[in-house]
PDB file of N, CA and C in Angstrom:
ATOM      1  N   MET A   1       0.840  -1.061   0.265  1.00  0.00           N
ATOM      2  CA  MET A   1      -0.025   0.050   0.060  1.00  0.00           C
ATOM      3  C   MET A   1       1.188   1.533   0.028  1.00  0.00           C
ATOM      4  N   PRO A   2       0.883   1.985  -0.939  1.00  0.00           N
ATOM      5  CA  PRO A   2       1.718   3.334  -1.230  1.00  0.00           C
ATOM      6  C   PRO A   2       1.155   4.369  -0.094  1.00  0.00           C
ATOM      7  N   LEU A   3       2.050   5.070   0.314  1.00  0.00           N
ATOM      8  CA  LEU A   3       1.718   6.263   1.340  1.00  0.00           C
ATOM      9  C   LEU A   3       1.586   7.465   0.512  1.00  0.00           C
ATOM     10  N   CYS A   4       0.626   8.127   0.824  1.00  0.00           N
ATOM     11  CA  CYS A   4       0.509   9.392   0.293  1.00  0.00           C
ATOM     12  C   CYS A   4       0.660  10.444   0.957  1.00  0.00           C
ATOM     13  N   ARG A   5       1.251  11.271   0.708  1.00  0.00           N
ATOM     14  CA  ARG A   5       1.671  12.757   1.164  1.00  0.00           C
ATOM     15  C   ARG A   5       0.469  13.612   1.050  1.00  0.00           C
ATOM     16  N   PRO A   6       0.627  14.503   1.700  1.00  0.00           N
ATOM     17  CA  PRO A   6      -0.335  15.675   1.767  1.00  0.00           C
ATOM     18  C   PRO A   6      -0.656  16.180   0.610  1.00  0.00           C
ATOM     19  N   ASN A   7       0.361  16.490   0.069  1.00  0.00           N
ATOM     20  CA  ASN A   7       0.189  17.486  -0.931  1.00  0.00           C
ATOM     21  C   ASN A   7       0.105  16.731  -2.413  1.00  0.00           C
ATOM     22  N   THR A   8       0.109  15.443  -2.415  1.00  0.00           N
ATOM     23  CA  THR A   8       0.088  14.489  -3.706  1.00  0.00           C
ATOM     24  C   THR A   8      -1.625  14.171  -3.904  1.00  0.00           C
ATOM     25  N   ILE A   9      -2.164  14.473  -2.805  1.00  0.00           N
ATOM     26  CA  ILE A   9      -4.027  14.396  -2.984  1.00  0.00           C
ATOM     27  C   ILE A   9      -4.263  14.971  -4.006  1.00  0.00           C
ATOM     28  N   PRO A  10      -5.192  14.480  -5.296  1.00  0.00           N
ATOM     29  CA  PRO A  10      -5.675  15.196  -6.406  1.00  0.00           C
ATOM     30  C   PRO A  10      -6.279  16.342  -5.942  1.00  0.00           C
ATOM     31  N   ARG A  11      -6.506  17.212  -6.561  1.00  0.00           N
ATOM     32  CA  ARG A  11      -7.648  18.666  -6.286  1.00  0.00           C
ATOM     33  C   ARG A  11      -8.898  18.048  -6.437  1.00  0.00           C
ATOM     34  N   GLN A  12      -9.240  17.301  -7.293  1.00  0.00           N
ATOM     35  CA  GLN A  12     -10.211  17.048  -7.683  1.00  0.00           C
ATOM     36  C   GLN A  12     -11.119  15.934  -6.812  1.00  0.00           C
ATOM     37  N   ARG A  13     -10.116  15.456  -5.928  1.00  0.00           N
ATOM     38  CA  ARG A  13     -10.763  14.399  -5.127  1.00  0.00           C
ATOM     39  C   ARG A  13     -11.226  15.087  -3.730  1.00  0.00           C
ATOM     40  N   LEU A  14     -10.315  16.316  -3.583  1.00  0.00           N
ATOM     41  CA  LEU A  14     -10.453  17.433  -2.725  1.00  0.00           C
ATOM     42  C   LEU A  14     -12.047  18.224  -2.789  1.00  0.00           C
ATOM     43  N   GLU A  15     -12.030  18.338  -3.716  1.00  0.00           N
ATOM     44  CA  GLU A  15     -13.477  19.116  -4.476  1.00  0.00           C
ATOM     45  C   GLU A  15     -14.507  18.286  -4.380  1.00  0.00           C
ATOM     46  N   GLN A  16     -14.490  16.737  -4.592  1.00  0.00           N
ATOM     47  CA  GLN A  16     -15.702  15.921  -4.147  1.00  0.00           C
ATOM     48  C   GLN A  16     -15.937  15.828  -2.926  1.00  0.00           C
ATOM     49  N   VAL A  17     -15.243  15.536  -2.160  1.00  0.00           N
ATOM     50  CA  VAL A  17     -15.139  15.237  -0.628  1.00  0.00           C
ATOM     51  C   VAL A  17     -16.008  16.563  -0.169  1.00  0.00           C
ATOM     52  N   ALA A  18     -15.627  17.898  -0.775  1.00  0.00           N
ATOM     53  CA  ALA A  18     -15.933  18.761   0.000  1.00  0.00           C
ATOM     54  C   ALA A  18     -17.331  18.900  -0.450  1.00  0.00           C
ATOM     55  N   GLU A  19     -17.606  18.380  -1.753  1.00  0.00           N
ATOM     56  CA  GLU A  19     -19.257  18.699  -2.316  1.00  0.00           C
ATOM     57  C   GLU A  19     -20.052  17.714  -1.584  1.00  0.00           C
ATOM     58  N   HIS A  20     -19.619  16.516  -1.016  1.00  0.00           N
ATOM     59  CA  HIS A  20     -20.388  15.637  -0.496  1.00  0.00           C
ATOM     60  C   HIS A  20     -20.245  16.207   1.020  1.00  0.00           C
ATOM     61  N   SER A  21     -19.562  16.680   1.636  1.00  0.00           N
ATOM     62  CA  SER A  21     -19.831  17.159   2.879  1.00  0.00           C
ATOM     63  C   SER A  21     -20.752  18.216   2.967  1.00  0.00           C
ATOM     64  N   TYR A  22     -21.025  19.009   1.770  1.00  0.00           N
ATOM     65  CA  TYR A  22     -21.718  20.285   1.821  1.00  0.00           C
ATOM     66  C   TYR A  22     -23.185  19.529   1.291  1.00  0.00           C
ATOM     67  N   GLN A  23     -23.247  18.462   0.488  1.00  0.00           N
ATOM     68  CA  GLN A  23     -24.407  17.752   0.350  1.00  0.00           C
ATOM     69  C   GLN A  23     -25.000  17.126   1.733  1.00  0.00           C
ATOM     70  N   ALA A  24     -24.081  16.445   2.408  1.00  0.00           N
ATOM     71  CA  ALA A  24     -24.802  15.788   3.724  1.00  0.00           C
ATOM     72  C   ALA A  24     -24.943  16.800   4.896  1.00  0.00           C
ATOM     73  N   THR A  25     -24.307  17.804   4.655  1.00  0.00           N
ATOM     74  CA  THR A  25     -24.671  18.851   5.829  1.00  0.00           C
ATOM     75  C   THR A  25     -25.786  19.649   5.286  1.00  0.00           C
ATOM     76  N   SER A  26     -26.208  19.868   4.203  1.00  0.00           N
ATOM     77  CA  SER A  26     -27.310  20.324   3.810  1.00  0.00           C
ATOM     78  C   SER A  26     -28.497  19.507   4.046  1.00  0.00           C
ATOM     79  N   LEU A  27     -28.508  18.303   3.791  1.00  0.00           N
ATOM     80  CA  LEU A  27     -29.362  17.394   4.311  1.00  0.00           C
ATOM     81  C   LEU A  27     -29.761  17.246   5.600  1.00  0.00           C
ATOM     82  N   LEU A  28     -28.487  17.424   6.190  1.00  0.00           N
ATOM     83  CA  LEU A  28     -28.789  17.321   7.803  1.00  0.00           C
ATOM     84  C   LEU A  28     -29.183  18.736   8.310  1.00  0.00           C
ATOM     85  N   ARG A  29     -29.443  19.498   7.932  1.00  0.00           N
ATOM     86  CA  ARG A  29     -29.784  20.935   8.145  1.00  0.00           C
ATOM     87  C   ARG A  29     -31.324  20.759   7.681  1.00  0.00           C
ATOM     88  N   THR A  30     -31.368  20.222   6.596  1.00  0.00           N
ATOM     89  CA  THR A  30     -33.163  20.287   6.074  1.00  0.00           C
ATOM     90  C   THR A  30     -33.887  19.300   7.100  1.00  0.00           C
ATOM     91  N   ARG A  31     -33.225  18.382   7.301  1.00  0.00           N
ATOM     92  CA  ARG A  31     -33.981  17.275   8.398  1.00  0.00           C
ATOM     93  C   ARG A  31     -34.093  17.664   9.846  1.00  0.00           C
ATOM     94  N   ILE A  32     -32.868  18.615  10.529  1.00  0.00           N
ATOM     95  CA  ILE A  32     -33.141  19.636  11.424  1.00  0.00           C
ATOM     96  C   ILE A  32     -34.344  20.403  11.313  1.00  0.00           C
ATOM     97  N   GLU A  33     -34.431  21.145  10.286  1.00  0.00           N
ATOM     98  CA  GLU A  33     -35.564  22.425  10.030  1.00  0.00           C
ATOM     99  C   GLU A  33     -36.821  21.308  10.306  1.00  0.00           C
ATOM    100  N   THR A  34     -37.115  20.441   9.163  1.00  0.00           N
ATOM    101  CA  THR A  34     -38.207  19.789   9.432  1.00  0.00           C
ATOM    102  C   THR A  34     -38.577  19.531  10.547  1.00  0.00           C
ATOM    103  N   VAL A  35     -38.029  18.684  11.647  1.00  0.00           N
ATOM    104  CA  VAL A  35     -38.071  18.225  12.831  1.00  0.00           C
ATOM    105  C   VAL A  35     -38.484  19.338  13.696  1.00  0.00           C
ATOM    106  N   VAL A  36     -38.063  20.513  13.422  1.00  0.00           N
ATOM    107  CA  VAL A  36     -38.448  21.754  14.431  1.00  0.00           C
ATOM    108  C   VAL A  36     -39.591  22.116  13.738  1.00  0.00           C
ATOM    109  N   GLU A  37     -39.993  22.288  12.612  1.00  0.00           N
ATOM    110  CA  GLU A  37     -41.316  22.636  12.199  1.00  0.00           C
ATOM    111  C   GLU A  37     -42.273  21.816  12.725  1.00  0.00           C
ATOM    112  N   GLN A  38     -42.148  20.428  12.633  1.00  0.00           N
ATOM    113  CA  GLN A  38     -43.131  19.684  13.120  1.00  0.00           C
ATOM    114  C   GLN A  38     -43.548  19.736  14.640  1.00  0.00           C
ATOM    115  N   GLN A  39     -41.978  19.921  15.511  1.00  0.00           N
ATOM    116  CA  GLN A  39     -42.596  20.119  16.866  1.00  0.00           C
ATOM    117  C   GLN A  39     -43.521  21.401  17.152  1.00  0.00           C
ATOM    118  N   SER A  40     -42.855  22.679  16.305  1.00  0.00           N
ATOM    119  CA  SER A  40     -43.637  23.911  16.495  1.00  0.00           C
ATOM    120  C   SER A  40     -45.181  23.446  15.948  1.00  0.00           C
ATOM    121  N   ARG A  41     -45.515  22.842  14.964  1.00  0.00           N
ATOM    122  CA  ARG A  41     -46.619  22.494  14.232  1.00  0.00           C
ATOM    123  C   ARG A  41     -47.560  21.949  15.641  1.00  0.00           C
ATOM    124  N   ASP A  42     -46.937  20.735  16.119  1.00  0.00           N
ATOM    125  CA  ASP A  42     -47.393  19.985  17.299  1.00  0.00           C
ATOM    126  C   ASP A  42     -48.008  20.841  18.390  1.00  0.00           C
ATOM    127  N   LEU A  43     -46.757  21.704  18.884  1.00  0.00           N
ATOM    128  CA  LEU A  43     -46.842  22.480  19.833  1.00  0.00           C
ATOM    129  C   LEU A  43     -48.096  23.773  19.650  1.00  0.00           C
ATOM    130  N   LEU A  44     -48.175  24.143  18.395  1.00  0.00           N
ATOM    131  CA  LEU A  44     -49.596  25.059  18.332  1.00  0.00           C
ATOM    132  C   LEU A  44     -50.694  24.431  18.094  1.00  0.00           C
ATOM    133  N   GLN A  45     -50.575  23.411  17.848  1.00  0.00           N
ATOM    134  CA  GLN A  45     -51.785  22.434  17.600  1.00  0.00           C
ATOM    135  C   GLN A  45     -52.005  22.199  19.231  1.00  0.00           C
ATOM    136  N   SER A  46     -51.671  22.040  20.075  1.00  0.00           N
ATOM    137  CA  SER A  46     -51.818  21.757  21.468  1.00  0.00           C
ATOM    138  C   SER A  46     -52.453  22.940  22.132  1.00  0.00           C
ATOM    139  N   MET A  47     -51.639  24.054  21.653  1.00  0.00           N
ATOM    140  CA  MET A  47     -52.062  25.303  22.210  1.00  0.00           C
ATOM    141  C   MET A  47     -53.449  25.380  21.685  1.00  0.00           C
ATOM    142  N   ASP A  48     -53.889  25.363  20.788  1.00  0.00           N
ATOM    143  CA  ASP A  48     -55.017  25.268  19.794  1.00  0.00           C
ATOM    144  C   ASP A  48     -56.139  24.872  20.592  1.00  0.00           C
ATOM    145  N   ARG A  49     -55.835  23.541  20.959  1.00  0.00           N
ATOM    146  CA  ARG A  49     -56.452  22.607  21.864  1.00  0.00           C
ATOM    147  C   ARG A  49     -56.845  22.912  23.233  1.00  0.00           C
ATOM    148  N   ARG A  50     -56.186  23.730  23.389  1.00  0.00           N
ATOM    149  CA  ARG A  50     -56.136  24.113  25.156  1.00  0.00           C
ATOM    150  C   ARG A  50     -56.843  25.563  25.095  1.00  0.00           C
ATOM    151  N   THR A  51     -56.711  26.420  24.353  1.00  0.00           N
ATOM    152  CA  THR A  51     -57.422  27.396  23.882  1.00  0.00           C
ATOM    153  C   THR A  51     -58.951  27.174  23.864  1.00  0.00           C
ATOM    154  N   ASP A  52     -59.104  26.195  22.924  1.00  0.00           N
ATOM    155  CA  ASP A  52     -60.787  26.026  22.851  1.00  0.00           C
ATOM    156  C   ASP A  52     -61.303  25.435  23.888  1.00  0.00           C
ATOM    157  N   LEU A  53     -60.622  24.299  24.894  1.00  0.00           N
ATOM    158  CA  LEU A  53     -60.973  23.823  26.185  1.00  0.00           C
ATOM    159  C   LEU A  53     -61.367  25.075  27.078  1.00  0.00           C
ATOM    160  N   GLN A  54     -60.110  25.932  27.012  1.00  0.00           N
ATOM    161  CA  GLN A  54     -60.487  27.242  27.942  1.00  0.00           C
ATOM    162  C   GLN A  54     -61.837  28.014  27.478  1.00  0.00           C
ATOM    163  N   LEU A  55     -61.904  28.318  26.269  1.00  0.00           N
ATOM    164  CA  LEU A  55     -63.069  28.684  25.928  1.00  0.00           C
ATOM    165  C   LEU A  55     -64.423  28.272  26.364  1.00  0.00           C
ATOM    166  N   ARG A  56     -64.256  27.201  25.944  1.00  0.00           N
ATOM    167  CA  ARG A  56     -65.592  25.818  26.477  1.00  0.00           C
ATOM    168  C   ARG A  56     -66.085  26.195  28.149  1.00  0.00           C
ATOM    169  N   LEU A  57     -65.136  26.182  28.914  1.00  0.00           N
ATOM    170  CA  LEU A  57     -64.977  26.596  30.274  1.00  0.00           C
ATOM    171  C   LEU A  57     -65.407  27.655  30.917  1.00  0.00           C
ATOM    172  N   GLN A  58     -64.895  28.709  29.915  1.00  0.00           N
ATOM    173  CA  GLN A  58     -65.255  30.144  30.271  1.00  0.00           C
ATOM    174  C   GLN A  58     -66.900  30.481  30.067  1.00  0.00           C
ATOM    175  N   HIS A  59     -67.409  29.827  28.806  1.00  0.00           N
ATOM    176  CA  HIS A  59     -68.600  29.893  28.635  1.00  0.00           C
ATOM    177  C   HIS A  59     -69.674  29.209  29.519  1.00  0.00           C
ATOM    178  N   THR A  60     -68.989  27.880  30.267  1.00  0.00           N
ATOM    179  CA  THR A  60     -70.132  27.145  31.050  1.00  0.00           C
ATOM    180  C   THR A  60     -69.756  28.184  32.274  1.00  0.00           C
ATOM    181  N   VAL A  61     -68.756  28.640  32.796  1.00  0.00           N
ATOM    182  CA  VAL A  61     -68.833  29.449  33.890  1.00  0.00           C
ATOM    183  C   VAL A  61     -69.500  30.729  33.953  1.00  0.00           C
ATOM    184  N   GLU A  62     -69.376  31.229  32.863  1.00  0.00           N
ATOM    185  CA  GLU A  62     -70.376  32.463  32.621  1.00  0.00           C
ATOM    186  C   GLU A  62     -71.962  32.146  32.545  1.00  0.00           C
ATOM    187  N   GLY A  63     -72.579  30.782  32.327  1.00  0.00           N
ATOM    188  CA  GLY A  63     -73.729  30.275  32.242  1.00  0.00           C
ATOM    189  C   GLY A  63     -74.213  30.329  33.625  1.00  0.00           C
ATOM    190  N   LEU A  64     -73.073  29.389  34.343  1.00  0.00           N
ATOM    191  CA  LEU A  64     -73.360  29.290  35.853  1.00  0.00           C
ATOM    192  C   LEU A  64     -73.529  30.414  36.724  1.00  0.00           C
ATOM    193  N   SER A  65     -72.715  31.696  35.978  1.00  0.00           N
ATOM    194  CA  SER A  65     -72.694  32.527  36.856  1.00  0.00           C
ATOM    195  C   SER A  65     -74.228  33.394  36.720  1.00  0.00           C
ATOM    196  N   VAL A  66     -74.712  33.392  35.433  1.00  0.00           N
ATOM    197  CA  VAL A  66     -76.037  33.649  35.285  1.00  0.00           C
ATOM    198  C   VAL A  66     -77.282  33.260  36.380  1.00  0.00           C
ATOM    199  N   VAL A  67     -76.977  31.809  36.314  1.00  0.00           N
ATOM    200  CA  VAL A  67     -77.649  31.093  37.374  1.00  0.00           C
ATOM    201  C   VAL A  67     -77.413  31.774  38.444  1.00  0.00           C
ATOM    202  N   ALA A  68     -76.331  31.796  39.112  1.00  0.00           N
ATOM    203  CA  ALA A  68     -76.106  32.326  40.618  1.00  0.00           C
ATOM    204  C   ALA A  68     -76.412  33.472  40.775  1.00  0.00           C
ATOM    205  N   ILE A  69     -76.513  34.485  39.840  1.00  0.00           N
ATOM    206  CA  ILE A  69     -76.929  35.845  40.015  1.00  0.00           C
ATOM    207  C   ILE A  69     -78.319  35.807  39.756  1.00  0.00           C
ATOM    208  N   THR A  70     -78.963  35.379  39.313  1.00  0.00           N
ATOM    209  CA  THR A  70     -80.490  35.269  38.990  1.00  0.00           C
ATOM    210  C   THR A  70     -80.973  34.816  40.315  1.00  0.00           C
ATOM    211  N   TYR A  71     -80.238  33.533  41.035  1.00  0.00           N
ATOM    212  CA  TYR A  71     -81.034  33.000  42.350  1.00  0.00           C
ATOM    213  C   TYR A  71     -80.676  34.019  43.282  1.00  0.00           C
ATOM    214  N   TYR A  72     -79.550  34.810  43.599  1.00  0.00           N
ATOM    215  CA  TYR A  72     -79.295  35.957  44.472  1.00  0.00           C
ATOM    216  C   TYR A  72     -80.235  36.726  44.522  1.00  0.00           C
ATOM    217  N   VAL A  73     -80.296  37.268  43.094  1.00  0.00           N
ATOM    218  CA  VAL A  73     -81.479  38.241  42.965  1.00  0.00           C
ATOM    219  C   VAL A  73     -82.685  38.157  43.095  1.00  0.00           C
ATOM    220  N   VAL A  74     -82.889  36.945  43.148  1.00  0.00           N
ATOM    221  CA  VAL A  74     -84.726  36.678  43.248  1.00  0.00           C
ATOM    222  C   VAL A  74     -84.651  36.382  45.047  1.00  0.00           C
ATOM    223  N   GLY A  75     -83.764  35.500  45.758  1.00  0.00           N
ATOM    224  CA  GLY A  75     -83.687  35.567  47.255  1.00  0.00           C
ATOM    225  C   GLY A  75     -83.809  36.894  47.643  1.00  0.00           C
ATOM    226  N   LEU A  76     -82.847  37.994  46.965  1.00  0.00           N
ATOM    227  CA  LEU A  76     -83.142  39.311  47.515  1.00  0.00           C
ATOM    228  C   LEU A  76     -84.762  40.062  47.497  1.00  0.00           C
ATOM    229  N   LEU A  77     -84.807  39.820  46.271  1.00  0.00           N
ATOM    230  CA  LEU A  77     -86.345  40.403  45.949  1.00  0.00           C
ATOM    231  C   LEU A  77     -87.519  39.642  46.994  1.00  0.00           C
ATOM    232  N   HIS A  78     -87.494  38.344  47.026  1.00  0.00           N
ATOM    233  CA  HIS A  78     -88.041  37.713  48.045  1.00  0.00           C
ATOM    234  C   HIS A  78     -88.057  38.178  49.478  1.00  0.00           C
ATOM    235  N   TYR A  79     -86.679  38.555  49.936  1.00  0.00           N
ATOM    236  CA  TYR A  79     -86.724  39.113  51.240  1.00  0.00           C
ATOM    237  C   TYR A  79     -87.173  40.377  51.572  1.00  0.00           C
ATOM    238  N   LEU A  80     -86.951  41.386  50.091  1.00  0.00           N
ATOM    239  CA  LEU A  80     -87.950  42.474  50.088  1.00  0.00           C
ATOM    240  C   LEU A  80     -89.286  42.477  50.259  1.00  0.00           C
ATOM    241  N   LEU A  81     -89.770  41.478  49.691  1.00  0.00           N
ATOM    242  CA  LEU A  81     -91.589  41.407  49.537  1.00  0.00           C
ATOM    243  C   LEU A  81     -92.081  41.063  50.769  1.00  0.00           C
ATOM    244  N   ASP A  82     -91.221  40.139  51.447  1.00  0.00           N
ATOM    245  CA  ASP A  82     -91.771  39.537  52.332  1.00  0.00           C
ATOM    246  C   ASP A  82     -92.614  40.148  53.538  1.00  0.00           C
ATOM    247  N   PRO A  83     -91.990  41.517  53.837  1.00  0.00           N
ATOM    248  CA  PRO A  83     -92.993  41.996  54.825  1.00  0.00           C
ATOM    249  C   PRO A  83     -94.078  42.804  54.365  1.00  0.00           C
ATOM    250  N   PHE A  84     -94.431  42.820  52.832  1.00  0.00           N
ATOM    251  CA  PHE A  84     -95.576  43.533  52.600  1.00  0.00           C
ATOM    252  C   PHE A  84     -96.479  42.407  52.116  1.00  0.00           C
ATOM    253  N   ALA A  85     -96.355  40.916  52.560  1.00  0.00           N
ATOM    254  CA  ALA A  85     -97.218  40.036  52.311  1.00  0.00           C
ATOM    255  C   ALA A  85     -98.517  40.142  52.492  1.00  0.00           C
ATOM    256  N   THR A  86     -98.695  40.792  53.932  1.00  0.00           N
ATOM    257  CA  THR A  86     -99.918  41.086  54.208  1.00  0.00           C
ATOM    258  C   THR A  86    -101.048  42.341  53.592  1.00  0.00           C
ATOM    259  N   PHE A  87    -100.043  43.191  53.006  1.00  0.00           N
ATOM    260  CA  PHE A  87    -100.795  44.102  52.538  1.00  0.00           C
ATOM    261  C   PHE A  87    -101.220  43.750  50.870  1.00  0.00           C
ATOM    262  N   VAL A  88    -100.439  42.753  50.384  1.00  0.00           N
ATOM    263  CA  VAL A  88    -100.747  42.465  48.967  1.00  0.00           C
ATOM    264  C   VAL A  88    -101.374  41.184  48.943  1.00  0.00           C
ATOM    265  N   ARG A  89    -102.773  41.373  48.838  1.00  0.00           N
ATOM    266  CA  ARG A  89    -103.645  40.440  48.473  1.00  0.00           C
ATOM    267  C   ARG A  89    -103.704  39.474  47.196  1.00  0.00           C
ATOM    268  N   PRO A  90    -103.748  40.506  46.212  1.00  0.00           N
ATOM    269  CA  PRO A  90    -104.242  39.743  44.815  1.00  0.00           C
ATOM    270  C   PRO A  90    -103.267  38.561  44.166  1.00  0.00           C
ATOM    271  N   LEU A  91    -102.064  39.064  44.425  1.00  0.00           N
ATOM    272  CA  LEU A  91    -100.796  38.163  44.191  1.00  0.00           C
ATOM    273  C   LEU A  91    -100.043  37.803  45.248  1.00  0.00           C
ATOM    274  N   SER A  92     -99.605  36.573  45.580  1.00  0.00           N
ATOM    275  CA  SER A  92     -98.639  36.430  46.622  1.00  0.00           C
ATOM    276  C   SER A  92     -97.349  36.739  46.401  1.00  0.00           C
ATOM    277  N   VAL A  93     -96.370  36.653  47.414  1.00  0.00           N
ATOM    278  CA  VAL A  93     -95.269  37.010  47.264  1.00  0.00           C
ATOM    279  C   VAL A  93     -94.222  35.710  46.143  1.00  0.00           C
ATOM    280  N   ASN A  94     -94.774  34.506  46.740  1.00  0.00           N
ATOM    281  CA  ASN A  94     -94.225  33.879  45.726  1.00  0.00           C
ATOM    282  C   ASN A  94     -94.604  33.515  44.110  1.00  0.00           C
ATOM    283  N   ALA A  95     -95.964  34.310  44.120  1.00  0.00           N
ATOM    284  CA  ALA A  95     -96.000  34.341  42.370  1.00  0.00           C
ATOM    285  C   ALA A  95     -95.119  35.725  42.036  1.00  0.00           C
ATOM    286  N   VAL A  96     -95.029  36.798  42.695  1.00  0.00           N
ATOM    287  CA  VAL A  96     -94.222  37.659  42.471  1.00  0.00           C
ATOM    288  C   VAL A  96     -92.775  37.394  41.925  1.00  0.00           C
ATOM    289  N   VAL A  97     -92.269  36.653  43.039  1.00  0.00           N
ATOM    290  CA  VAL A  97     -91.085  35.931  42.946  1.00  0.00           C
ATOM    291  C   VAL A  97     -90.547  34.833  41.732  1.00  0.00           C
ATOM    292  N   ALA A  98     -91.815  34.052  41.472  1.00  0.00           N
ATOM    293  CA  ALA A  98     -91.922  33.306  40.313  1.00  0.00           C
ATOM    294  C   ALA A  98     -91.661  33.979  39.162  1.00  0.00           C
ATOM    295  N   ILE A  99     -92.496  35.053  39.046  1.00  0.00           N
ATOM    296  CA  ILE A  99     -92.135  36.117  37.501  1.00  0.00           C
ATOM    297  C   ILE A  99     -91.125  36.422  37.359  1.00  0.00           C
ATOM    298  N   ALA A 100     -90.466  37.028  38.550  1.00  0.00           N
ATOM    299  CA  ALA A 100     -89.213  37.716  38.478  1.00  0.00           C
ATOM    300  C   ALA A 100     -88.065  36.673  38.220  1.00  0.00           C
ATOM    301  N   VAL A 101     -88.358  35.196  38.166  1.00  0.00           N
ATOM    302  CA  VAL A 101     -87.269  34.536  37.835  1.00  0.00           C
ATOM    303  C   VAL A 101     -86.464  34.704  36.378  1.00  0.00           C
ATOM    304  N   PRO A 102     -87.654  34.606  35.704  1.00  0.00           N
ATOM    305  CA  PRO A 102     -86.997  34.705  33.987  1.00  0.00           C
ATOM    306  C   PRO A 102     -86.576  36.156  33.829  1.00  0.00           C
ATOM    307  N   VAL A 103     -87.358  37.069  34.347  1.00  0.00           N
ATOM    308  CA  VAL A 103     -86.700  38.588  34.327  1.00  0.00           C
ATOM    309  C   VAL A 103     -85.552  38.902  34.564  1.00  0.00           C
ATOM    310  N   ALA A 104     -85.156  38.394  35.992  1.00  0.00           N
ATOM    311  CA  ALA A 104     -83.863  38.654  36.547  1.00  0.00           C
ATOM    312  C   ALA A 104     -82.902  37.731  35.600  1.00  0.00           C
ATOM    313  N   GLY A 105     -83.238  36.502  34.943  1.00  0.00           N
ATOM    314  CA  GLY A 105     -82.416  35.590  34.286  1.00  0.00           C
ATOM    315  C   GLY A 105     -82.093  36.248  33.170  1.00  0.00           C
ATOM    316  N   ALA A 106     -83.135  37.191  32.255  1.00  0.00           N
ATOM    317  CA  ALA A 106     -82.736  37.885  31.024  1.00  0.00           C
ATOM    318  C   ALA A 106     -81.860  39.074  31.367  1.00  0.00           C
ATOM    319  N   PHE A 107     -82.345  39.871  32.549  1.00  0.00           N
ATOM    320  CA  PHE A 107     -80.958  40.830  32.754  1.00  0.00           C
ATOM    321  C   PHE A 107     -79.724  40.502  33.023  1.00  0.00           C
ATOM    322  N   SER A 108     -79.715  39.255  34.029  1.00  0.00           N
ATOM    323  CA  SER A 108     -78.341  38.670  33.861  1.00  0.00           C
ATOM    324  C   SER A 108     -77.694  38.303  32.694  1.00  0.00           C
ATOM    325  N   TRP A 109     -78.436  37.701  31.597  1.00  0.00           N
ATOM    326  CA  TRP A 109     -77.625  37.079  30.765  1.00  0.00           C
ATOM    327  C   TRP A 109     -77.399  38.162  29.689  1.00  0.00           C
ATOM    328  N   ILE A 110     -78.110  39.381  29.697  1.00  0.00           N
ATOM    329  CA  ILE A 110     -78.042  40.589  28.831  1.00  0.00           C
ATOM    330  C   ILE A 110     -76.596  41.359  29.567  1.00  0.00           C
ATOM    331  N   ALA A 111     -76.841  41.159  30.854  1.00  0.00           N
ATOM    332  CA  ALA A 111     -75.377  42.030  31.507  1.00  0.00           C
ATOM    333  C   ALA A 111     -74.298  41.385  31.047  1.00  0.00           C
ATOM    334  N   LEU A 112     -74.233  39.879  30.969  1.00  0.00           N
ATOM    335  CA  LEU A 112     -73.207  39.250  30.459  1.00  0.00           C
ATOM    336  C   LEU A 112     -72.741  39.393  29.191  1.00  0.00           C
ATOM    337  N   LYS A 113     -73.738  39.239  28.465  1.00  0.00           N
ATOM    338  CA  LYS A 113     -73.386  39.602  26.746  1.00  0.00           C
ATOM    339  C   LYS A 113     -72.727  40.896  26.674  1.00  0.00           C
ATOM    340  N   THR A 114     -73.086  41.970  27.144  1.00  0.00           N
ATOM    341  CA  THR A 114     -72.635  43.496  27.257  1.00  0.00           C
ATOM    342  C   THR A 114     -71.133  43.061  27.602  1.00  0.00           C
ATOM    343  N   VAL A 115     -71.077  42.768  28.719  1.00  0.00           N
ATOM    344  CA  VAL A 115     -69.445  42.780  29.259  1.00  0.00           C
ATOM    345  C   VAL A 115     -68.595  42.005  28.443  1.00  0.00           C
ATOM    346  N   ARG A 116     -69.164  41.008  27.674  1.00  0.00           N
ATOM    347  CA  ARG A 116     -68.563  40.058  26.837  1.00  0.00           C
ATOM    348  C   ARG A 116     -67.942  40.741  25.458  1.00  0.00           C
ATOM    349  N   LYS A 117     -68.863  41.301  25.147  1.00  0.00           N
ATOM    350  CA  LYS A 117     -69.102  42.402  23.958  1.00  0.00           C
ATOM    351  C   LYS A 117     -67.824  43.589  24.323  1.00  0.00           C
ATOM    352  N   SER A 118     -67.694  44.402  25.301  1.00  0.00           N
ATOM    353  CA  SER A 118     -67.071  45.418  25.642  1.00  0.00           C
ATOM    354  C   SER A 118     -65.731  44.856  25.761  1.00  0.00           C
ATOM    355  N   HIS A 119     -65.641  43.392  26.345  1.00  0.00           N
ATOM    356  CA  HIS A 119     -63.851  42.890  26.842  1.00  0.00           C
ATOM    357  C   HIS A 119     -63.431  42.493  24.950  1.00  0.00           C
ATOM    358  N   ALA A 120     -64.397  42.161  24.526  1.00  0.00           N
ATOM    359  CA  ALA A 120     -63.840  41.877  22.872  1.00  0.00           C
ATOM    360  C   ALA A 120     -63.429  42.823  22.268  1.00  0.00           C
ATOM    361  N   ARG A 121     -63.950  44.053  22.566  1.00  0.00           N
ATOM    362  CA  ARG A 121     -63.764  45.391  21.783  1.00  0.00           C
ATOM    363  C   ARG A 121     -62.193  45.728  22.319  1.00  0.00           C
ATOM    364  N   LEU A 122     -61.682  45.122  23.457  1.00  0.00           N
ATOM    365  CA  LEU A 122     -60.513  45.875  24.029  1.00  0.00           C
ATOM    366  C   LEU A 122     -59.534  44.923  23.149  1.00  0.00           C
TER     367      LEU A 122
END
C-alpha cells in the first residue's frame, strides 16, 4: 500500500469530498429544520386545543354565573317583598318571585353579553 503525502492528493478528489460534505450538511440541516417545524406545528395544535377548552370552560362558568346571579337577585327580591305579604292580597309573594325569575335571568344574561362584547372590543 503506497503512502500518500498530503500534497499529492488530487485536487479533484478534495473538491468531491467537499461537495459531498456540503450535501450531507445540507441534508442534515434540512432534516433538523423539518423536525423543528413538526415540533412547532404540534405545539401550536396543542395550544389551539387548550384555547378551545379554556373558551368552553369560560362559557360554562359564565352560564353558571347567570344562574347564580339570578338565584341571588330572586332571593333578595323575596326578602324585600316578604314584609309586604300582608298588604298585597291579589298576588302572593311567591307568585311575584316566580314571575321575577325569568326577568332576572334575562337581565343577568344581557349584562353578561354586554360585558363580553366590551371585553371583545379591547
